[in-house]
Structures are given as structure tokens and as C-alpha cells.
C-alpha atoms as a PDB file:
ATOM      1  CA  MET A   1      -0.824 -41.129  10.519  1.00  0.00           C
ATOM      2  CA  PRO A   2       0.087 -37.755   8.983  1.00  0.00           C
ATOM      3  CA  ALA A   3       2.190 -35.386  11.050  1.00  0.00           C
ATOM      4  CA  THR A   4       0.298 -32.482  12.557  1.00  0.00           C
ATOM      5  CA  ASP A   5       3.093 -30.374  14.041  1.00  0.00           C
ATOM      6  CA  SER A   6       3.428 -26.894  12.548  1.00  0.00           C
ATOM      7  CA  LEU A   7       6.766 -27.486  10.833  1.00  0.00           C
ATOM      8  CA  SER A   8       5.504 -30.637   9.098  1.00  0.00           C
ATOM      9  CA  LEU A   9       2.363 -28.819   7.950  1.00  0.00           C
ATOM     10  CA  VAL A  10       4.440 -25.972   6.492  1.00  0.00           C
ATOM     11  CA  PHE A  11       6.795 -28.284   4.600  1.00  0.00           C
ATOM     12  CA  ALA A  12       3.865 -30.373   3.338  1.00  0.00           C
ATOM     13  CA  ALA A  13       2.137 -27.215   2.121  1.00  0.00           C
ATOM     14  CA  LEU A  14       5.300 -26.030   0.370  1.00  0.00           C
ATOM     15  CA  ALA A  15       5.790 -29.408  -1.319  1.00  0.00           C
ATOM     16  CA  ASP A  16       3.207 -28.593  -3.997  1.00  0.00           C
ATOM     17  CA  PRO A  17       4.108 -26.193  -6.844  1.00  0.00           C
ATOM     18  CA  THR A  18       0.559 -24.814  -7.087  1.00  0.00           C
ATOM     19  CA  ARG A  19       0.590 -23.883  -3.411  1.00  0.00           C
ATOM     20  CA  ARG A  20       4.012 -22.277  -3.775  1.00  0.00           C
ATOM     21  CA  ALA A  21       2.671 -20.255  -6.704  1.00  0.00           C
ATOM     22  CA  ILE A  22      -0.332 -19.179  -4.629  1.00  0.00           C
ATOM     23  CA  LEU A  23       2.030 -17.989  -1.896  1.00  0.00           C
ATOM     24  CA  SER A  24       4.094 -16.093  -4.466  1.00  0.00           C
ATOM     25  CA  THR A  25       0.935 -14.323  -5.596  1.00  0.00           C
ATOM     26  CA  LEU A  26      -0.033 -13.487  -2.015  1.00  0.00           C
ATOM     27  CA  ALA A  27       3.486 -12.231  -1.267  1.00  0.00           C
ATOM     28  CA  GLN A  28       2.577  -9.292  -3.524  1.00  0.00           C
ATOM     29  CA  GLY A  29      -0.324  -8.432  -1.212  1.00  0.00           C
ATOM     30  CA  PRO A  30      -3.819  -9.601  -0.254  1.00  0.00           C
ATOM     31  CA  ALA A  31      -5.985 -10.986  -3.056  1.00  0.00           C
ATOM     32  CA  THR A  32      -9.424 -12.441  -3.519  1.00  0.00           C
ATOM     33  CA  VAL A  33      -9.909 -16.155  -4.047  1.00  0.00           C
ATOM     34  CA  GLY A  34     -10.804 -15.443  -7.679  1.00  0.00           C
ATOM     35  CA  GLU A  35      -7.606 -13.454  -8.228  1.00  0.00           C
ATOM     36  CA  VAL A  36      -5.528 -16.231  -6.712  1.00  0.00           C
ATOM     37  CA  ALA A  37      -7.309 -18.925  -8.738  1.00  0.00           C
ATOM     38  CA  SER A  38      -7.301 -17.158 -12.117  1.00  0.00           C
ATOM     39  CA  PRO A  39      -3.792 -18.171 -13.341  1.00  0.00           C
ATOM     40  CA  PHE A  40      -4.403 -21.879 -12.715  1.00  0.00           C
ATOM     41  CA  ALA A  41      -6.081 -24.310 -15.081  1.00  0.00           C
ATOM     42  CA  VAL A  42      -7.611 -26.314 -12.234  1.00  0.00           C
ATOM     43  CA  THR A  43     -11.105 -26.562 -10.825  1.00  0.00           C
ATOM     44  CA  ALA A  44     -12.440 -24.308  -8.088  1.00  0.00           C
ATOM     45  CA  PRO A  45     -12.625 -27.276  -5.669  1.00  0.00           C
ATOM     46  CA  ALA A  46      -8.951 -28.011  -6.344  1.00  0.00           C
ATOM     47  CA  ILE A  47      -8.004 -24.405  -5.531  1.00  0.00           C
ATOM     48  CA  SER A  48     -10.174 -24.621  -2.434  1.00  0.00           C
ATOM     49  CA  GLN A  49      -8.266 -27.734  -1.306  1.00  0.00           C
ATOM     50  CA  HIS A  50      -4.922 -25.994  -1.863  1.00  0.00           C
ATOM     51  CA  LEU A  51      -6.126 -23.016   0.166  1.00  0.00           C
ATOM     52  CA  LYS A  52      -7.254 -25.291   3.003  1.00  0.00           C
ATOM     53  CA  VAL A  53      -3.794 -26.868   3.155  1.00  0.00           C
ATOM     54  CA  LEU A  54      -2.167 -23.421   3.232  1.00  0.00           C
ATOM     55  CA  GLU A  55      -4.590 -22.234   5.924  1.00  0.00           C
ATOM     56  CA  ARG A  56      -4.028 -25.363   8.042  1.00  0.00           C
ATOM     57  CA  ALA A  57      -0.275 -24.670   7.882  1.00  0.00           C
ATOM     58  CA  GLY A  58      -0.895 -21.081   8.995  1.00  0.00           C
ATOM     59  CA  LEU A  59       0.562 -19.694   5.759  1.00  0.00           C
ATOM     60  CA  VAL A  60      -2.671 -18.046   4.604  1.00  0.00           C
ATOM     61  CA  THR A  61      -5.489 -16.310   6.429  1.00  0.00           C
ATOM     62  CA  ARG A  62      -8.901 -15.599   4.983  1.00  0.00           C
ATOM     63  CA  THR A  63     -11.102 -12.616   5.801  1.00  0.00           C
ATOM     64  CA  THR A  64     -14.660 -12.125   4.622  1.00  0.00           C
ATOM     65  CA  LYS A  65     -16.310  -8.767   3.975  1.00  0.00           C
ATOM     66  CA  ALA A  66     -19.747  -9.009   2.426  1.00  0.00           C
ATOM     67  CA  GLN A  67     -19.344 -11.349  -0.558  1.00  0.00           C
ATOM     68  CA  TRP A  68     -15.546 -10.835  -0.842  1.00  0.00           C
ATOM     69  CA  ARG A  69     -13.142 -13.388   0.565  1.00  0.00           C
ATOM     70  CA  THR A  70      -9.661 -11.943   0.815  1.00  0.00           C
ATOM     71  CA  LEU A  71      -6.574 -14.043   1.333  1.00  0.00           C
ATOM     72  CA  SER A  72      -3.357 -12.851   2.948  1.00  0.00           C
ATOM     73  CA  MET A  73      -0.016 -14.571   3.346  1.00  0.00           C
ATOM     74  CA  GLN A  74       1.381 -15.050   6.846  1.00  0.00           C
ATOM     75  CA  ALA A  75       5.184 -15.020   7.046  1.00  0.00           C
ATOM     76  CA  LYS A  76       5.679 -16.358  10.581  1.00  0.00           C
ATOM     77  CA  PRO A  77       5.419 -20.078   9.646  1.00  0.00           C
ATOM     78  CA  LEU A  78       7.915 -19.493   6.810  1.00  0.00           C
ATOM     79  CA  ASP A  79      10.280 -17.777   9.252  1.00  0.00           C
ATOM     80  CA  GLU A  80      10.067 -20.792  11.564  1.00  0.00           C
ATOM     81  CA  ALA A  81      10.762 -23.193   8.683  1.00  0.00           C
ATOM     82  CA  SER A  82      13.664 -21.036   7.519  1.00  0.00           C
ATOM     83  CA  ALA A  83      15.153 -21.020  11.032  1.00  0.00           C
ATOM     84  CA  TRP A  84      14.926 -24.828  11.152  1.00  0.00           C
ATOM     85  CA  VAL A  85      16.642 -25.157   7.762  1.00  0.00           C
ATOM     86  CA  GLU A  86      19.406 -22.712   8.730  1.00  0.00           C
ATOM     87  CA  LYS A  87      20.087 -24.527  12.014  1.00  0.00           C
ATOM     88  CA  HIS A  88      20.420 -27.827  10.182  1.00  0.00           C
ATOM     89  CA  ARG A  89      22.363 -26.311   7.291  1.00  0.00           C
ATOM     90  CA  ARG A  90      25.157 -25.381   9.727  1.00  0.00           C
ATOM     91  CA  GLU A  91      25.215 -28.949  11.070  1.00  0.00           C
ATOM     92  CA  TRP A  92      25.185 -30.449   7.567  1.00  0.00           C
ATOM     93  CA  ASN A  93      27.997 -28.149   6.450  1.00  0.00           C
ATOM     94  CA  LEU A  94      30.140 -29.201   9.430  1.00  0.00           C
ATOM     95  CA  ARG A  95      29.555 -32.850   8.568  1.00  0.00           C
ATOM     96  CA  LEU A  96      30.333 -32.285   4.901  1.00  0.00           C
ATOM     97  CA  ASP A  97      33.524 -30.426   5.834  1.00  0.00           C
ATOM     98  CA  ALA A  98      34.555 -33.381   8.030  1.00  0.00           C
ATOM     99  CA  LEU A  99      33.806 -35.799   5.180  1.00  0.00           C
ATOM    100  CA  ASP A 100      35.819 -33.664   2.765  1.00  0.00           C
ATOM    101  CA  ALA A 101      38.788 -33.627   5.170  1.00  0.00           C
ATOM    102  CA  HIS A 102      38.565 -37.414   5.515  1.00  0.00           C
ATOM    103  CA  LEU A 103      38.442 -37.887   1.731  1.00  0.00           C
ATOM    104  CA  GLN A 104      41.453 -35.606   1.310  1.00  0.00           C
ATOM    105  CA  THR A 105      43.469 -37.741   3.757  1.00  0.00           C
ATOM    106  CA  MET A 106      42.388 -40.858   1.869  1.00  0.00           C
ATOM    107  CA  LYS A 107      43.678 -39.343  -1.387  1.00  0.00           C
ATOM    108  CA  THR A 108      47.105 -38.673   0.082  1.00  0.00           C
ATOM    109  CA  ARG A 109      47.450 -42.125   1.660  1.00  0.00           C
ATOM    110  CA  PRO A 110      49.388 -44.592  -0.451  1.00  0.00           C
ATOM    111  CA  THR A 111      47.131 -47.281  -1.864  1.00  0.00           C
ATOM    112  CA  PRO A 112      48.252 -50.887  -1.509  1.00  0.00           C
ATOM    113  CA  THR A 113      49.351 -52.639  -4.659  1.00  0.00           C
ATOM    114  CA  THR A 114      47.527 -55.785  -5.774  1.00  0.00           C
ATOM    115  CA  GLU A 115      50.237 -58.040  -4.297  1.00  0.00           C
ATOM    116  CA  GLU A 116      50.118 -56.190  -0.939  1.00  0.00           C
ATOM    117  CA  ALA A 117      46.317 -56.407  -0.836  1.00  0.00           C
ATOM    118  CA  GLU A 118      46.388 -60.167  -1.508  1.00  0.00           C
ATOM    119  CA  SER A 119      48.829 -60.906   1.297  1.00  0.00           C
END
């Protein structure tokens, strides 16, 4: 069963390079679906699927005025994902520092010779 929490949806959306490129385009400002789709050599249904994933993750909103569908990027889900990564980065760095300290003590410890290890 696929995860449906907001953080999982954001990371799943960001896992695809096409979706990341779409977000990069929208970071410049709102754009129509056609403007977003134009740089990609994929079908309109494929772009539509990518947009649905981004919308489900809350990264993109769509507004309709007459026949124009405008897309806008929403930064809040990215801020939440960034906060999660930063929180865990601190924890990972502490663990890596502890591992490094342990490896340094192992380097300075005398290693047993073959005869000592066999006895």
C-alpha cells in the first residue's frame, strides 16, 4: 500500500526528474500547462500524470480562467521536507562523528600479530 502522508507524497513527487524540472520551471513564476509541457518530449497524458502527482503532493496548484489553466508552485511542502531533512542531517552528522572517533581510536590501537591472534 503506497504511503499517503504528506512527506511521503512530496519525496515521491521529487523522485522523478521530469517533475523536478517542472517545479524548476514553476519556481520562475506561474505558467500554463502548455508552457510547462513544451520543453519535454513526452505525451500530453504523461505531463498530465506528472502534474497530478505534483498536485497530490501539494507542490502545484492549478487555477482556471476561461480556457487557460495556470499552474503555480507551492513552497510550503518543500519547506516541510527541508525541515525534516535538516533535523535528520544533524542526527546523521552526530552519528558519523561518533563513528569517525571510534575509527580513529581503532587506528591508534596496536593490532595483534599473527601469533598473538592464533593464541
